[in-house]
């Protein structure tokens, strides 16, 4: 069964899923944030089959999330480093981590986000960049943007809240 592509859709969530929606991709990005850069490091950390890892790394490079760089001339060896686009995914990972701790960790948190200076735990929230106001379940609307086509405008007019 062939996977459906969402890359052509105007929805930014669908377009994002096209790049990172396969679960190995998010785990590879997590490990890249933890400092892993080499194929064998990802393979050992994830327990992923080499052919699957090769495909996922290639897709992340093509999506502009990772860059493949030569780190050894003889024999030629490459590493995978986060691009600016990849680094911009960090808040998404931190949000997933915090959400997972709240919703799916009945035994308690196995990984925490902390302030390195104080060791105090951090609970991330999504805020408006300009005002700093936290986004909550109420008080915000999702509307069609200036680049939306007519189909997206109709779709969003029927579903104004996220």
N, C-alpha and C. Protein backbone atom coordinates (compact mmCIF):
# COMPACT_ATOMS: atom_id res chain seq x y z
N UNK A 1 0.84 -1.18 0.00
CA UNK A 1 0.00 0.00 0.00
C UNK A 1 0.89 1.24 0.00
N UNK A 2 0.67 2.10 -0.97
CA UNK A 2 1.48 3.30 -1.09
C UNK A 2 0.96 4.38 -0.15
N UNK A 3 1.89 5.07 0.50
CA UNK A 3 1.55 6.13 1.42
C UNK A 3 1.09 7.36 0.65
N UNK A 4 0.07 8.02 1.18
CA UNK A 4 -0.45 9.23 0.55
C UNK A 4 0.51 10.39 0.82
N UNK A 5 0.69 11.24 -0.17
CA UNK A 5 1.53 12.42 -0.02
C UNK A 5 0.66 13.62 0.35
N UNK A 6 1.14 14.41 1.31
CA UNK A 6 0.43 15.60 1.75
C UNK A 6 1.16 16.88 1.33
N UNK A 7 2.28 16.73 0.63
CA UNK A 7 3.10 17.88 0.28
C UNK A 7 2.44 18.91 -0.60
N UNK A 8 1.45 18.51 -1.37
CA UNK A 8 0.77 19.43 -2.28
C UNK A 8 -0.33 20.23 -1.59
N UNK A 9 -0.72 19.83 -0.39
CA UNK A 9 -1.84 20.50 0.30
C UNK A 9 -1.39 21.86 0.83
N UNK A 10 -2.31 22.79 0.94
CA UNK A 10 -1.98 24.11 1.47
C UNK A 10 -1.87 24.10 2.99
N UNK A 11 -2.42 23.11 3.65
CA UNK A 11 -2.41 23.07 5.11
C UNK A 11 -0.98 22.93 5.64
N UNK A 12 -0.54 23.86 6.51
CA UNK A 12 0.82 23.77 7.04
C UNK A 12 1.06 22.53 7.91
N UNK A 13 0.01 22.03 8.55
CA UNK A 13 0.17 20.80 9.34
C UNK A 13 0.42 19.63 8.40
N UNK A 14 -0.34 19.54 7.32
CA UNK A 14 -0.14 18.47 6.34
C UNK A 14 1.25 18.55 5.71
N UNK A 15 1.68 19.76 5.36
CA UNK A 15 3.01 19.93 4.77
C UNK A 15 4.10 19.55 5.76
N UNK A 16 3.91 19.85 7.01
CA UNK A 16 4.89 19.47 8.03
C UNK A 16 4.95 17.96 8.19
N UNK A 17 3.78 17.33 8.21
CA UNK A 17 3.74 15.87 8.32
C UNK A 17 4.43 15.20 7.14
N UNK A 18 4.37 15.81 5.97
CA UNK A 18 5.05 15.27 4.80
C UNK A 18 6.55 15.17 5.06
N UNK A 19 7.09 16.09 5.86
CA UNK A 19 8.54 16.12 6.13
C UNK A 19 8.93 15.28 7.35
N UNK A 20 8.13 15.30 8.39
CA UNK A 20 8.54 14.64 9.65
C UNK A 20 7.49 13.70 10.22
N UNK A 21 6.45 13.40 9.48
CA UNK A 21 5.33 12.63 10.01
C UNK A 21 5.61 11.16 10.23
N UNK A 22 6.62 10.62 9.60
CA UNK A 22 6.97 9.22 9.81
C UNK A 22 7.71 9.15 11.15
N UNK A 23 7.30 8.25 12.03
CA UNK A 23 7.78 8.32 13.42
C UNK A 23 9.28 8.14 13.55
N UNK A 24 9.93 7.37 12.67
CA UNK A 24 11.40 7.28 12.76
C UNK A 24 12.03 8.66 12.57
N UNK A 25 11.43 9.48 11.72
CA UNK A 25 11.99 10.80 11.44
C UNK A 25 12.07 11.66 12.70
N UNK A 26 11.01 11.65 13.47
CA UNK A 26 11.00 12.46 14.69
C UNK A 26 12.03 11.93 15.69
N UNK A 27 12.18 10.62 15.77
CA UNK A 27 13.18 10.05 16.69
C UNK A 27 14.60 10.35 16.22
N UNK A 28 14.82 10.35 14.91
CA UNK A 28 16.14 10.73 14.38
C UNK A 28 16.42 12.19 14.72
N UNK A 29 15.44 13.06 14.53
CA UNK A 29 15.62 14.47 14.89
C UNK A 29 15.87 14.63 16.38
N UNK A 30 15.16 13.88 17.20
CA UNK A 30 15.40 13.91 18.66
C UNK A 30 16.86 13.59 18.94
N UNK A 31 17.35 12.50 18.34
CA UNK A 31 18.73 12.10 18.59
C UNK A 31 19.72 13.12 18.04
N UNK A 32 19.39 13.77 16.93
CA UNK A 32 20.26 14.83 16.40
C UNK A 32 20.35 15.98 17.40
N UNK A 33 19.24 16.30 18.06
CA UNK A 33 19.28 17.34 19.09
C UNK A 33 20.09 16.89 20.29
N UNK A 34 20.13 15.60 20.55
CA UNK A 34 20.95 15.07 21.65
C UNK A 34 22.43 15.00 21.27
N UNK A 35 22.76 15.35 20.03
CA UNK A 35 24.15 15.43 19.62
C UNK A 35 24.64 14.31 18.71
N UNK A 36 23.79 13.36 18.37
CA UNK A 36 24.20 12.30 17.47
C UNK A 36 24.30 12.86 16.05
N UNK A 37 25.32 12.42 15.32
CA UNK A 37 25.51 12.91 13.96
C UNK A 37 25.83 11.79 12.97
N UNK A 38 26.27 10.65 13.46
CA UNK A 38 26.76 9.61 12.56
C UNK A 38 25.78 8.45 12.43
N UNK A 39 25.81 7.85 11.25
CA UNK A 39 24.90 6.76 10.93
C UNK A 39 24.90 5.70 12.01
N UNK A 40 26.08 5.23 12.41
CA UNK A 40 26.15 4.15 13.40
C UNK A 40 25.61 4.58 14.76
N UNK A 41 25.72 5.86 15.09
CA UNK A 41 25.16 6.36 16.35
C UNK A 41 23.63 6.29 16.32
N UNK A 42 23.04 6.75 15.22
CA UNK A 42 21.58 6.69 15.09
C UNK A 42 21.11 5.24 15.11
N UNK A 43 21.82 4.39 14.39
CA UNK A 43 21.45 2.97 14.30
C UNK A 43 21.46 2.32 15.68
N UNK A 44 22.52 2.58 16.46
CA UNK A 44 22.62 2.00 17.79
C UNK A 44 21.57 2.57 18.74
N UNK A 45 21.35 3.86 18.67
CA UNK A 45 20.39 4.50 19.57
C UNK A 45 18.97 4.03 19.32
N UNK A 46 18.60 3.89 18.05
CA UNK A 46 17.22 3.60 17.69
C UNK A 46 16.93 2.12 17.51
N UNK A 47 17.96 1.31 17.26
CA UNK A 47 17.72 -0.09 16.95
C UNK A 47 16.97 -0.24 15.63
N UNK A 48 17.24 0.65 14.71
CA UNK A 48 16.56 0.71 13.42
C UNK A 48 17.36 -0.08 12.39
N UNK A 49 16.68 -0.70 11.45
CA UNK A 49 17.34 -1.43 10.38
C UNK A 49 18.11 -0.43 9.50
N UNK A 50 19.30 -0.80 9.05
CA UNK A 50 20.12 0.13 8.25
C UNK A 50 19.41 0.65 7.00
N UNK A 51 18.65 -0.20 6.31
CA UNK A 51 17.97 0.28 5.10
C UNK A 51 16.90 1.31 5.43
N UNK A 52 16.20 1.13 6.54
CA UNK A 52 15.18 2.10 6.96
C UNK A 52 15.86 3.41 7.38
N UNK A 53 16.95 3.30 8.13
CA UNK A 53 17.67 4.49 8.56
C UNK A 53 18.19 5.26 7.35
N UNK A 54 18.71 4.57 6.38
CA UNK A 54 19.19 5.22 5.16
C UNK A 54 18.06 6.00 4.50
N UNK A 55 16.90 5.40 4.38
CA UNK A 55 15.75 6.07 3.75
C UNK A 55 15.30 7.29 4.55
N UNK A 56 15.22 7.15 5.85
CA UNK A 56 14.75 8.26 6.68
C UNK A 56 15.75 9.41 6.69
N UNK A 57 17.06 9.10 6.77
CA UNK A 57 18.07 10.16 6.73
C UNK A 57 18.03 10.88 5.38
N UNK A 58 17.89 10.13 4.30
CA UNK A 58 17.80 10.73 2.97
C UNK A 58 16.59 11.66 2.88
N UNK A 59 15.46 11.22 3.40
CA UNK A 59 14.24 12.04 3.37
C UNK A 59 14.41 13.31 4.21
N UNK A 60 15.07 13.21 5.35
CA UNK A 60 15.28 14.38 6.20
C UNK A 60 16.26 15.36 5.55
N UNK A 61 17.24 14.85 4.82
CA UNK A 61 18.15 15.71 4.07
C UNK A 61 17.38 16.40 2.95
N UNK A 62 16.57 15.64 2.20
CA UNK A 62 15.78 16.22 1.12
C UNK A 62 14.78 17.25 1.62
N UNK A 63 14.27 17.06 2.83
CA UNK A 63 13.32 18.01 3.43
C UNK A 63 14.01 19.24 4.01
N UNK A 64 15.35 19.24 4.01
CA UNK A 64 16.08 20.38 4.53
C UNK A 64 16.19 20.41 6.05
N UNK A 65 15.90 19.28 6.70
CA UNK A 65 15.98 19.22 8.16
C UNK A 65 17.40 18.87 8.63
N UNK A 66 18.10 18.06 7.85
CA UNK A 66 19.47 17.66 8.14
C UNK A 66 20.34 17.97 6.92
N UNK A 67 21.62 18.17 7.19
CA UNK A 67 22.60 18.35 6.13
C UNK A 67 23.61 17.23 6.24
N UNK A 68 23.98 16.65 5.12
CA UNK A 68 24.97 15.57 5.08
C UNK A 68 26.33 16.19 4.81
N UNK A 69 27.28 16.00 5.74
CA UNK A 69 28.61 16.62 5.62
C UNK A 69 29.70 15.56 5.68
N UNK A 70 30.74 15.78 4.89
CA UNK A 70 31.91 14.92 4.91
C UNK A 70 32.71 15.21 6.17
N UNK A 71 33.01 14.18 6.97
CA UNK A 71 33.85 14.39 8.14
C UNK A 71 35.15 13.61 8.06
N UNK A 72 35.27 12.72 7.07
CA UNK A 72 36.50 11.95 6.90
C UNK A 72 36.70 11.72 5.41
N UNK A 73 37.92 12.00 4.95
CA UNK A 73 38.24 11.87 3.52
C UNK A 73 38.45 10.43 3.09
N UNK A 74 39.25 9.66 3.86
CA UNK A 74 39.60 8.29 3.47
C UNK A 74 39.37 7.32 4.59
N UNK A 75 38.48 6.41 4.45
CA UNK A 75 37.47 6.38 3.40
C UNK A 75 36.47 7.50 3.63
N UNK A 76 35.76 7.92 2.59
CA UNK A 76 34.81 9.02 2.77
C UNK A 76 33.68 8.62 3.73
N UNK A 77 33.51 9.44 4.75
CA UNK A 77 32.44 9.21 5.73
C UNK A 77 31.71 10.52 5.95
N UNK A 78 30.41 10.38 6.13
CA UNK A 78 29.58 11.57 6.29
C UNK A 78 28.84 11.54 7.61
N UNK A 79 28.49 12.73 8.06
CA UNK A 79 27.66 12.87 9.26
C UNK A 79 26.45 13.71 8.90
N UNK A 80 25.47 13.69 9.78
CA UNK A 80 24.21 14.39 9.57
C UNK A 80 24.06 15.43 10.67
N UNK A 81 23.96 16.69 10.26
CA UNK A 81 23.82 17.78 11.23
C UNK A 81 22.54 18.55 10.96
N UNK A 82 21.96 19.07 12.01
CA UNK A 82 20.73 19.84 11.89
C UNK A 82 20.97 21.12 11.09
N UNK A 83 20.06 21.42 10.21
CA UNK A 83 20.07 22.70 9.49
C UNK A 83 19.31 23.72 10.33
N UNK A 84 19.23 24.92 9.84
CA UNK A 84 18.41 25.93 10.52
C UNK A 84 16.96 25.46 10.60
N UNK A 85 16.46 24.90 9.51
CA UNK A 85 15.08 24.38 9.50
C UNK A 85 14.95 23.27 10.54
N UNK A 86 15.92 22.40 10.61
CA UNK A 86 15.89 21.33 11.60
C UNK A 86 15.93 21.85 13.02
N UNK A 87 16.80 22.84 13.27
CA UNK A 87 16.89 23.42 14.62
C UNK A 87 15.59 24.12 15.01
N UNK A 88 14.87 24.63 14.02
CA UNK A 88 13.59 25.30 14.28
C UNK A 88 12.52 24.31 14.74
N UNK A 89 12.78 23.03 14.60
CA UNK A 89 11.85 21.98 15.05
C UNK A 89 11.97 21.73 16.56
N UNK A 90 12.96 22.30 17.20
CA UNK A 90 13.21 22.06 18.64
C UNK A 90 11.99 22.31 19.52
N UNK A 91 11.27 23.42 19.38
CA UNK A 91 10.10 23.63 20.24
C UNK A 91 9.04 22.54 20.06
N UNK A 92 8.92 22.00 18.85
CA UNK A 92 7.96 20.93 18.62
C UNK A 92 8.36 19.70 19.42
N UNK A 93 9.65 19.35 19.39
CA UNK A 93 10.13 18.19 20.16
C UNK A 93 9.95 18.40 21.66
N UNK A 94 10.27 19.60 22.14
CA UNK A 94 10.10 19.88 23.57
C UNK A 94 8.63 19.81 23.97
N UNK A 95 7.76 20.28 23.09
CA UNK A 95 6.32 20.19 23.38
C UNK A 95 5.86 18.74 23.41
N UNK A 96 6.34 17.92 22.47
CA UNK A 96 6.00 16.50 22.46
C UNK A 96 6.51 15.81 23.73
N UNK A 97 7.72 16.16 24.14
CA UNK A 97 8.28 15.59 25.36
C UNK A 97 7.39 15.92 26.57
N UNK A 98 7.04 17.19 26.72
CA UNK A 98 6.22 17.61 27.86
C UNK A 98 4.83 16.98 27.80
N UNK A 99 4.24 16.94 26.62
CA UNK A 99 2.91 16.32 26.45
C UNK A 99 2.98 14.83 26.78
N UNK A 100 4.01 14.17 26.29
CA UNK A 100 4.17 12.75 26.60
C UNK A 100 4.31 12.50 28.09
N UNK A 101 5.05 13.36 28.78
CA UNK A 101 5.17 13.22 30.24
C UNK A 101 3.82 13.39 30.93
N UNK A 102 3.03 14.36 30.48
CA UNK A 102 1.73 14.61 31.11
C UNK A 102 0.72 13.50 30.81
N UNK A 103 0.73 13.00 29.58
CA UNK A 103 -0.36 12.12 29.14
C UNK A 103 -0.03 10.63 29.13
N UNK A 104 1.25 10.27 28.99
CA UNK A 104 1.58 8.87 28.75
C UNK A 104 2.68 8.33 29.66
N UNK A 105 2.85 8.90 30.82
CA UNK A 105 3.90 8.43 31.73
C UNK A 105 3.32 8.18 33.12
N UNK A 106 2.48 7.15 33.26
CA UNK A 106 1.88 6.89 34.58
C UNK A 106 2.92 6.57 35.64
N UNK A 107 4.09 6.06 35.22
CA UNK A 107 5.15 5.73 36.18
C UNK A 107 5.97 6.96 36.57
N UNK A 108 5.73 8.08 35.90
CA UNK A 108 6.48 9.31 36.18
C UNK A 108 7.36 9.68 34.99
N UNK A 109 7.96 10.85 35.07
CA UNK A 109 8.78 11.37 33.97
C UNK A 109 10.12 10.63 33.91
N UNK A 110 10.44 10.08 32.73
CA UNK A 110 11.74 9.44 32.54
C UNK A 110 12.74 10.41 31.92
N UNK A 111 12.25 11.49 31.32
CA UNK A 111 13.07 12.54 30.75
C UNK A 111 12.42 13.86 31.14
N UNK A 112 13.23 14.81 31.57
CA UNK A 112 12.70 16.11 31.97
C UNK A 112 13.44 17.23 31.25
N UNK A 113 12.79 18.37 31.15
CA UNK A 113 13.39 19.59 30.64
C UNK A 113 13.74 20.43 31.87
N UNK A 114 15.01 20.82 31.99
CA UNK A 114 15.42 21.58 33.17
C UNK A 114 16.25 22.80 32.77
N UNK A 115 16.25 23.78 33.65
CA UNK A 115 17.12 24.94 33.52
C UNK A 115 18.52 24.48 33.95
N UNK A 116 19.52 24.56 33.07
CA UNK A 116 20.84 24.05 33.43
C UNK A 116 21.51 24.80 34.58
N UNK A 117 21.15 26.06 34.76
CA UNK A 117 21.76 26.85 35.83
C UNK A 117 21.20 26.48 37.20
N UNK A 118 19.90 26.18 37.26
CA UNK A 118 19.27 25.94 38.56
C UNK A 118 18.84 24.50 38.77
N UNK A 119 18.70 23.75 37.68
CA UNK A 119 18.18 22.38 37.78
C UNK A 119 16.67 22.34 37.94
N UNK A 120 16.03 23.49 37.93
CA UNK A 120 14.58 23.58 38.08
C UNK A 120 13.90 23.04 36.83
N UNK A 121 12.87 22.25 37.03
CA UNK A 121 12.11 21.72 35.91
C UNK A 121 11.40 22.81 35.14
N UNK A 122 11.30 22.62 33.84
CA UNK A 122 10.63 23.58 32.96
C UNK A 122 9.45 22.88 32.30
N UNK A 123 8.30 23.56 32.32
CA UNK A 123 7.11 23.06 31.64
C UNK A 123 6.82 24.02 30.49
N UNK A 124 7.16 23.63 29.25
CA UNK A 124 7.02 24.57 28.14
C UNK A 124 5.55 24.86 27.82
N UNK A 125 5.32 26.09 27.40
CA UNK A 125 4.01 26.49 26.89
C UNK A 125 4.24 27.22 25.58
N UNK A 126 3.26 27.17 24.71
CA UNK A 126 3.34 27.88 23.45
C UNK A 126 2.81 29.29 23.66
N UNK A 127 3.59 30.27 23.26
CA UNK A 127 3.18 31.67 23.43
C UNK A 127 3.30 32.40 22.10
N UNK A 128 2.55 33.50 22.01
CA UNK A 128 2.68 34.37 20.85
C UNK A 128 4.03 35.06 20.91
N UNK A 129 4.80 34.98 19.83
CA UNK A 129 6.16 35.53 19.81
C UNK A 129 6.16 37.04 20.07
N UNK A 130 5.17 37.75 19.54
CA UNK A 130 5.16 39.21 19.66
C UNK A 130 4.74 39.68 21.05
N UNK A 131 3.68 39.08 21.60
CA UNK A 131 3.14 39.58 22.87
C UNK A 131 3.56 38.75 24.08
N UNK A 132 3.98 37.51 23.86
CA UNK A 132 4.31 36.63 24.97
C UNK A 132 3.09 36.02 25.63
N UNK A 133 1.92 36.26 25.09
CA UNK A 133 0.69 35.72 25.66
C UNK A 133 0.60 34.22 25.37
N UNK A 134 0.38 33.40 26.42
CA UNK A 134 0.25 31.96 26.19
C UNK A 134 -0.99 31.64 25.36
N UNK A 135 -0.84 30.69 24.45
CA UNK A 135 -1.97 30.21 23.67
C UNK A 135 -2.67 29.14 24.49
N UNK A 136 -3.96 29.22 24.54
CA UNK A 136 -4.72 28.26 25.32
C UNK A 136 -5.84 27.69 24.46
N UNK A 137 -6.67 26.87 25.07
CA UNK A 137 -7.76 26.26 24.32
C UNK A 137 -8.78 27.29 23.85
N UNK A 138 -8.87 28.41 24.50
CA UNK A 138 -9.83 29.42 24.08
C UNK A 138 -9.10 30.72 23.76
N UNK A 139 -9.78 31.56 23.04
CA UNK A 139 -9.23 32.88 22.77
C UNK A 139 -8.40 32.98 21.50
N UNK A 140 -8.23 31.91 20.76
CA UNK A 140 -7.52 31.99 19.49
C UNK A 140 -8.38 31.38 18.40
N UNK A 141 -8.16 31.83 17.20
CA UNK A 141 -8.85 31.26 16.03
C UNK A 141 -7.80 30.96 14.98
N UNK A 142 -8.08 29.97 14.19
CA UNK A 142 -7.24 29.62 13.05
C UNK A 142 -8.03 30.03 11.82
N UNK A 143 -7.46 30.91 11.01
CA UNK A 143 -8.16 31.44 9.84
C UNK A 143 -7.28 31.26 8.60
N UNK A 144 -7.89 31.38 7.45
CA UNK A 144 -7.14 31.32 6.19
C UNK A 144 -6.18 32.50 6.12
N UNK A 145 -4.97 32.21 5.67
CA UNK A 145 -3.96 33.25 5.53
C UNK A 145 -3.99 33.89 4.15
N UNK A 146 -3.13 34.87 3.94
CA UNK A 146 -3.14 35.62 2.68
C UNK A 146 -2.84 34.75 1.45
N UNK A 147 -2.11 33.65 1.61
CA UNK A 147 -1.77 32.80 0.46
C UNK A 147 -2.80 31.69 0.23
N UNK A 148 -3.84 31.61 1.05
CA UNK A 148 -4.83 30.54 0.92
C UNK A 148 -5.59 30.65 -0.39
N UNK A 149 -5.79 29.49 -1.02
CA UNK A 149 -6.63 29.49 -2.22
C UNK A 149 -8.10 29.42 -1.79
N UNK A 150 -8.99 29.45 -2.77
CA UNK A 150 -10.42 29.50 -2.46
C UNK A 150 -10.88 28.25 -1.70
N UNK A 151 -10.35 27.09 -2.07
CA UNK A 151 -10.73 25.85 -1.37
C UNK A 151 -10.31 25.91 0.10
N UNK A 152 -9.12 26.43 0.38
CA UNK A 152 -8.67 26.55 1.77
C UNK A 152 -9.53 27.56 2.52
N UNK A 153 -9.88 28.65 1.88
CA UNK A 153 -10.74 29.66 2.53
C UNK A 153 -12.09 29.05 2.92
N UNK A 154 -12.68 28.27 2.00
CA UNK A 154 -13.96 27.61 2.32
C UNK A 154 -13.77 26.63 3.47
N UNK A 155 -12.72 25.84 3.40
CA UNK A 155 -12.44 24.84 4.44
C UNK A 155 -12.27 25.51 5.81
N UNK A 156 -11.52 26.58 5.84
CA UNK A 156 -11.26 27.26 7.12
C UNK A 156 -12.49 28.00 7.63
N UNK A 157 -13.34 28.45 6.75
CA UNK A 157 -14.54 29.15 7.21
C UNK A 157 -15.48 28.20 7.95
N UNK A 158 -15.38 26.92 7.65
CA UNK A 158 -16.21 25.92 8.33
C UNK A 158 -15.55 25.40 9.60
N UNK A 159 -14.24 25.61 9.76
CA UNK A 159 -13.49 25.07 10.91
C UNK A 159 -12.60 26.16 11.49
N UNK A 160 -13.17 27.15 12.12
CA UNK A 160 -12.37 28.30 12.56
C UNK A 160 -11.52 28.05 13.80
N UNK A 161 -11.77 26.98 14.54
CA UNK A 161 -10.99 26.75 15.77
C UNK A 161 -10.16 25.48 15.66
N UNK A 162 -8.96 25.55 16.17
CA UNK A 162 -8.09 24.40 16.20
C UNK A 162 -8.13 23.79 17.57
